[in-house]
Amino acid sequence: MTNSFDWRSLRSMDVLQFAIGVISGREFYDRYRNTPLGGKVRNLLRLRGVTRARELARRAANRMNKVS
């Protein structure tokens, strides 16, 4: 896995809900299970942990909002 994760490939509402704690790491992964992105989401959570993944998701959500 590379050091970068392409947050743009995920639905922005899912990223935002995960970032602010509305959904758990498990629920976040479940939304992408059995999809081409499921492995990337699972690896992100396993390698970085939920806390760090949430921090990264917050940053990504901020970037998404600035671009929109």
Protein backbone atom coordinates (compact mmCIF):
# COMPACT_ATOMS: atom_id res chain seq x y z
CA MET A 1 0.00 0.00 0.00
CA THR A 2 1.27 3.44 -0.79
CA ASN A 3 1.36 6.22 1.76
CA SER A 4 -1.47 8.03 0.05
CA PHE A 5 -5.14 7.16 -0.02
CA ASP A 6 -7.43 8.58 -2.69
CA TRP A 7 -10.34 9.90 -0.64
CA ARG A 8 -11.97 11.27 -3.80
CA SER A 9 -12.84 7.72 -4.83
CA LEU A 10 -15.19 7.45 -1.83
CA ARG A 11 -18.58 9.09 -1.43
CA SER A 12 -18.10 12.44 0.30
CA MET A 13 -21.06 11.87 2.65
CA ASP A 14 -19.50 8.61 3.88
CA VAL A 15 -16.16 10.33 4.47
CA LEU A 16 -17.83 13.16 6.37
CA GLN A 17 -19.93 10.84 8.54
CA PHE A 18 -16.87 8.76 9.39
CA ALA A 19 -14.75 11.84 10.05
CA ILE A 20 -17.15 13.32 12.60
CA GLY A 21 -17.94 9.99 14.27
CA VAL A 22 -21.50 9.44 13.06
CA ILE A 23 -20.48 6.01 11.77
CA SER A 24 -17.91 3.63 13.19
CA GLY A 25 -14.89 2.22 11.41
CA ARG A 26 -16.81 -1.03 10.98
CA GLU A 27 -19.79 0.74 9.42
CA PHE A 28 -17.45 2.72 7.17
CA TYR A 29 -15.82 -0.48 5.96
CA ASP A 30 -19.20 -2.25 5.59
CA ARG A 31 -20.34 0.41 3.13
CA TYR A 32 -17.48 -0.57 0.80
CA ARG A 33 -17.27 -4.30 1.48
CA ASN A 34 -17.47 -6.42 -1.68
CA THR A 35 -16.64 -3.43 -3.86
CA PRO A 36 -13.37 -2.61 -5.63
CA LEU A 37 -12.63 -0.11 -2.81
CA GLY A 38 -13.29 -2.51 0.07
CA GLY A 39 -9.69 -3.70 0.31
CA LYS A 40 -8.31 -0.18 0.32
CA VAL A 41 -10.69 0.92 3.08
CA ARG A 42 -9.93 -2.21 5.13
CA ASN A 43 -6.17 -1.68 4.75
CA LEU A 44 -6.48 1.96 5.75
CA LEU A 45 -8.29 1.01 8.94
CA ARG A 46 -5.96 -1.89 9.73
CA LEU A 47 -2.70 -0.09 9.05
CA ARG A 48 -3.56 3.35 10.42
CA GLY A 49 -6.19 2.50 13.03
CA VAL A 50 -9.59 4.12 13.36
CA THR A 51 -8.38 7.20 15.25
CA ARG A 52 -5.72 8.10 12.66
CA ALA A 53 -8.08 7.22 9.79
CA ARG A 54 -10.66 9.65 11.24
CA GLU A 55 -8.04 12.41 11.38
CA LEU A 56 -7.17 11.77 7.75
CA ALA A 57 -10.86 11.68 6.83
CA ARG A 58 -11.38 15.08 8.52
CA ARG A 59 -8.57 16.56 6.46
CA ALA A 60 -9.96 14.99 3.29
CA ALA A 61 -13.47 16.26 4.07
CA ASN A 62 -12.10 19.78 4.53
CA ARG A 63 -10.32 19.56 1.19
CA MET A 64 -13.46 18.23 -0.52
CA ASN A 65 -15.51 21.14 0.82
CA LYS A 66 -12.95 23.71 -0.34
CA VAL A 67 -12.93 22.26 -3.84
CA SER A 68 -16.74 22.09 -4.16
